[in-house]
Amino acid sequence: MNVFELTRALVDIESTSEYEGDVGEYLFAHLERLALKTSGRVERMDVTKLDDTDRRFNVFAHWGDPIVTLSTHMDTVPPFFSSREDDDFIYGRGSCDAKGIIAAMVAAAEQLLAGGVRDFGLLFVVGEERSSAGALTASRSPRGSRFMVNGEPTENKLALASKGAMRLEVTARGRMAHSAYPELGESAIDALLDTLEKIRRVALPTDALLGPGTLNIGTISGGRVPNVISDAAKAEILVRLVSDPEPLRRLFAAAGGPRVDVTEVLCIPAVHMEKVDGLVTTVVSFTTDIPVFNGAWGKPLLIGPGSIHVAHTRDERIPKRELSEAVEIYAGIVRKLLGGGD
């Protein structure tokens, strides 16, 4: 199975965050066949299960004692749509974020093994798009790797830095009343909107390399019907971090009030990474699993085929040319790092 065929096979398996069991089983079986032929080993790393029927696990394959680990995630954002291709692109949910990257890493492993290279691994994790649960599990079970090459869509450019993320939930409480007599109630929606306006006015810091921090109010919900004063309302916010999050924590918390709670759900810091000679570099505004690994799997590098600008869209796609290039790039990085590259 070549890199294009494997990409399409993976895309055609639905695996939105928290429901990665089927794609995990497929990858485990695929890598197990490769390992049997090349004296490798494949294992499941169980991740928190949602219920008795859920199968959720990372997949780790290695040959010898891994010094370099190629890693990315198996989950995707919704909605699922299957693959198709033309002369230049493969389309489908996860094609660039990050199932094409998985296929390129597997193809690079096959190339390395055919050339007698060992002492590297492949780690594919769950949950990156939502909670980084797979990376957190893996960070607690390191395997001695000195370098982790994390795959995300960077157009095959080596990212020197990536922004972090802070996810907030803003929850407001109110008291129901007939809308003809609003003075008898307390509107949770009004309280929520007042708090959101304060949060939007918070000045976000700027970093010389990463640029400005940004804030997105992603969801708003609340109320019952138009003629009832709302007793509950909620919003979810994602902040892209470029610096120490502590000052922002204090400012966001202060935006709340007696009837509004601002709760931090997730915080992943911004990271700065190293250069590798011979690779074109970039800076990215998205967040990855790298901070969650926290160095447990080695010094991080970030590179992968595809553009983040089409990830999470209905036109998600990956250029076939970049997929083929990525196979050579990943294999080349592994050889360089195994050869003593620092």
Foldseek 3Di string as FASTA:
>chain_A
DALVVQLQVLLQDAAAFLQQQVSQVVVQVVVVVVCVVQVKDKDWQFFDHPDPPGGFTKIKIFFDQAQEEEEEESHFHDDWDHWDDDPWWIWTTCSVRPSSVVSLLVLLVVVCSVVVDHRHMYIYFGDWVHALRRLLSDLVPERNHAEYEYEHAPQQFWEQKEWKKWKKKKKFFKAKDFQVCCVVIGARVVLSVQLVVQLVPDAFDADPAQGTKDKDFDDKDWDDDPGMRTGIIMIMMMITHDDDCVVVVVSSQVSHDPGMGMDTDDIFGMDGADDDPPGHYDHYHHHGCVSSSVQSNHGYIYGYFDDPVQHPHNGGITTPVRSVVSSVVSSVVSVCVVVPND
